[in-house]
N, C-alpha and C. Protein backbone atom coordinates (compact mmCIF):
# COMPACT_ATOMS: atom_id res chain seq x y z
N MET A 1 -8.33 16.19 -17.37
CA MET A 1 -7.55 15.55 -16.34
C MET A 1 -8.43 15.47 -15.08
N ASN A 2 -8.40 14.33 -14.43
CA ASN A 2 -9.21 14.11 -13.22
C ASN A 2 -8.31 13.87 -12.02
N TYR A 3 -8.68 14.43 -10.89
CA TYR A 3 -8.00 14.20 -9.62
C TYR A 3 -9.03 13.83 -8.58
N LEU A 4 -8.67 12.90 -7.72
CA LEU A 4 -9.52 12.52 -6.60
C LEU A 4 -8.84 13.00 -5.32
N CYS A 5 -9.48 13.90 -4.61
CA CYS A 5 -8.94 14.45 -3.37
C CYS A 5 -9.62 13.78 -2.19
N ASN A 6 -8.83 13.18 -1.32
CA ASN A 6 -9.36 12.51 -0.14
C ASN A 6 -9.04 13.34 1.10
N LEU A 7 -10.06 13.58 1.91
CA LEU A 7 -9.88 14.27 3.19
C LEU A 7 -10.02 13.23 4.28
N GLY A 8 -8.97 13.04 5.07
CA GLY A 8 -8.98 12.06 6.15
C GLY A 8 -9.90 12.47 7.29
N GLN A 9 -10.13 11.54 8.17
CA GLN A 9 -11.05 11.71 9.30
C GLN A 9 -10.75 12.98 10.11
N ASN A 10 -9.47 13.25 10.38
CA ASN A 10 -9.11 14.37 11.25
C ASN A 10 -8.37 15.49 10.52
N GLN A 11 -8.41 15.50 9.19
CA GLN A 11 -7.73 16.53 8.42
C GLN A 11 -8.66 17.71 8.15
N PHE A 12 -8.09 18.89 8.12
CA PHE A 12 -8.80 20.11 7.73
C PHE A 12 -10.03 20.36 8.60
N MET A 13 -9.82 20.29 9.90
CA MET A 13 -10.92 20.49 10.85
C MET A 13 -10.83 21.83 11.56
N THR A 14 -9.89 22.71 11.13
CA THR A 14 -9.74 24.03 11.73
C THR A 14 -9.68 25.09 10.63
N SER A 15 -9.63 26.33 11.03
CA SER A 15 -9.59 27.43 10.08
C SER A 15 -8.59 28.48 10.55
N ASN A 16 -8.06 29.25 9.62
CA ASN A 16 -7.20 30.39 9.95
C ASN A 16 -8.00 31.67 10.11
N ASN A 17 -9.30 31.58 9.94
CA ASN A 17 -10.18 32.73 10.09
C ASN A 17 -10.12 33.21 11.54
N PRO A 18 -9.82 34.48 11.79
CA PRO A 18 -9.68 34.98 13.16
C PRO A 18 -10.98 34.89 13.98
N THR A 19 -12.13 34.77 13.33
CA THR A 19 -13.39 34.66 14.07
C THR A 19 -13.74 33.22 14.40
N TRP A 20 -12.92 32.27 13.99
CA TRP A 20 -13.14 30.85 14.23
C TRP A 20 -12.95 30.52 15.71
N THR A 21 -13.84 29.67 16.24
CA THR A 21 -13.68 29.15 17.60
C THR A 21 -13.71 27.63 17.53
N ASP A 22 -13.18 26.98 18.55
CA ASP A 22 -13.12 25.51 18.56
C ASP A 22 -14.50 24.87 18.57
N SER A 23 -15.51 25.60 18.97
CA SER A 23 -16.87 25.04 19.01
C SER A 23 -17.59 25.16 17.66
N ASP A 24 -16.99 25.88 16.68
CA ASP A 24 -17.60 26.01 15.36
C ASP A 24 -17.50 24.71 14.58
N VAL A 25 -18.51 24.43 13.76
CA VAL A 25 -18.51 23.24 12.91
C VAL A 25 -17.84 23.62 11.58
N PRO A 26 -16.81 22.86 11.14
CA PRO A 26 -16.14 23.22 9.88
C PRO A 26 -16.96 22.84 8.65
N TYR A 27 -16.85 23.66 7.61
CA TYR A 27 -17.49 23.41 6.33
C TYR A 27 -16.43 23.49 5.23
N VAL A 28 -16.61 22.71 4.18
CA VAL A 28 -15.74 22.78 3.00
C VAL A 28 -16.44 23.67 1.98
N SER A 29 -15.73 24.70 1.52
CA SER A 29 -16.30 25.59 0.51
C SER A 29 -15.46 25.62 -0.76
N GLU A 30 -14.19 25.21 -0.66
CA GLU A 30 -13.34 25.17 -1.84
C GLU A 30 -12.20 24.17 -1.62
N VAL A 31 -11.65 23.67 -2.73
CA VAL A 31 -10.56 22.71 -2.70
C VAL A 31 -9.47 23.22 -3.63
N GLY A 32 -8.23 23.23 -3.17
CA GLY A 32 -7.10 23.68 -3.98
C GLY A 32 -6.12 22.56 -4.22
N LEU A 33 -5.52 22.53 -5.41
CA LEU A 33 -4.48 21.57 -5.75
C LEU A 33 -3.15 22.31 -5.88
N TYR A 34 -2.13 21.78 -5.23
CA TYR A 34 -0.81 22.38 -5.22
C TYR A 34 0.19 21.45 -5.88
N ASP A 35 1.24 22.04 -6.50
CA ASP A 35 2.31 21.22 -7.06
C ASP A 35 3.33 20.87 -5.98
N SER A 36 4.40 20.16 -6.35
CA SER A 36 5.38 19.71 -5.36
C SER A 36 6.14 20.87 -4.71
N ASP A 37 6.13 22.05 -5.34
CA ASP A 37 6.78 23.23 -4.75
C ASP A 37 5.81 24.08 -3.94
N LYS A 38 4.62 23.54 -3.69
CA LYS A 38 3.57 24.19 -2.92
C LYS A 38 3.03 25.46 -3.59
N ASN A 39 3.02 25.46 -4.92
CA ASN A 39 2.40 26.54 -5.69
C ASN A 39 0.98 26.12 -6.03
N LEU A 40 0.03 27.00 -5.80
CA LEU A 40 -1.36 26.71 -6.11
C LEU A 40 -1.54 26.59 -7.62
N MET A 41 -2.03 25.42 -8.07
CA MET A 41 -2.24 25.20 -9.50
C MET A 41 -3.68 25.46 -9.91
N ILE A 42 -4.62 25.01 -9.08
CA ILE A 42 -6.03 25.14 -9.42
C ILE A 42 -6.84 25.22 -8.14
N ILE A 43 -7.93 25.94 -8.19
CA ILE A 43 -8.85 26.01 -7.06
C ILE A 43 -10.26 25.82 -7.60
N THR A 44 -11.04 25.06 -6.88
CA THR A 44 -12.43 24.84 -7.28
C THR A 44 -13.32 25.08 -6.08
N LYS A 45 -14.51 25.52 -6.33
CA LYS A 45 -15.46 25.80 -5.25
C LYS A 45 -16.62 24.84 -5.36
N VAL A 46 -17.11 24.38 -4.21
CA VAL A 46 -18.29 23.51 -4.21
C VAL A 46 -19.53 24.40 -4.38
N GLN A 47 -20.59 23.79 -4.88
CA GLN A 47 -21.80 24.57 -5.19
C GLN A 47 -22.37 25.26 -3.95
N SER A 48 -22.39 24.54 -2.84
CA SER A 48 -22.78 25.13 -1.57
C SER A 48 -21.91 24.50 -0.50
N PRO A 49 -21.52 25.24 0.53
CA PRO A 49 -20.64 24.70 1.57
C PRO A 49 -21.18 23.40 2.16
N GLU A 50 -20.27 22.42 2.34
CA GLU A 50 -20.64 21.11 2.87
C GLU A 50 -20.01 20.93 4.25
N MET A 51 -20.80 20.44 5.19
CA MET A 51 -20.30 20.19 6.53
C MET A 51 -19.18 19.17 6.46
N ARG A 52 -18.10 19.41 7.19
CA ARG A 52 -16.94 18.53 7.21
C ARG A 52 -17.23 17.37 8.15
N LEU A 53 -17.48 16.18 7.57
CA LEU A 53 -17.83 15.00 8.34
C LEU A 53 -16.96 13.82 7.93
N GLY A 54 -16.26 13.22 8.88
CA GLY A 54 -15.51 11.99 8.62
C GLY A 54 -14.61 12.06 7.41
N VAL A 55 -14.52 10.94 6.68
CA VAL A 55 -13.72 10.86 5.46
C VAL A 55 -14.58 11.35 4.30
N GLN A 56 -14.03 12.27 3.50
CA GLN A 56 -14.76 12.81 2.35
C GLN A 56 -13.87 12.75 1.12
N GLN A 57 -14.49 12.62 -0.05
CA GLN A 57 -13.77 12.61 -1.31
C GLN A 57 -14.37 13.66 -2.24
N TYR A 58 -13.49 14.31 -2.99
CA TYR A 58 -13.90 15.29 -3.99
C TYR A 58 -13.21 14.94 -5.30
N SER A 59 -13.99 14.82 -6.35
CA SER A 59 -13.48 14.55 -7.68
C SER A 59 -13.37 15.88 -8.42
N ILE A 60 -12.17 16.18 -8.91
CA ILE A 60 -11.93 17.44 -9.61
C ILE A 60 -11.51 17.13 -11.03
N LYS A 61 -12.22 17.73 -11.99
CA LYS A 61 -11.90 17.55 -13.40
C LYS A 61 -11.61 18.93 -13.99
N PHE A 62 -10.51 19.02 -14.71
CA PHE A 62 -10.23 20.29 -15.37
C PHE A 62 -9.58 20.05 -16.72
N ASP A 63 -9.76 21.01 -17.61
CA ASP A 63 -9.20 20.97 -18.95
C ASP A 63 -8.22 22.13 -19.08
N PHE A 64 -7.21 21.94 -19.90
CA PHE A 64 -6.24 22.99 -20.14
C PHE A 64 -6.71 23.92 -21.22
């Protein structure tokens, strides 16, 4: 099964990490897929953290 995750220009630009400051540059290190009840179904990690820039797409493929 394949999913295409799109990150909009201004989405996911902050963190809940208590050491985060507004001057920090955000990075993507993992992507999670949730069902309609907001239960985490799958999580995948990128090979190395990627700087969060503009619109980004992540293709996720998984097998049952």
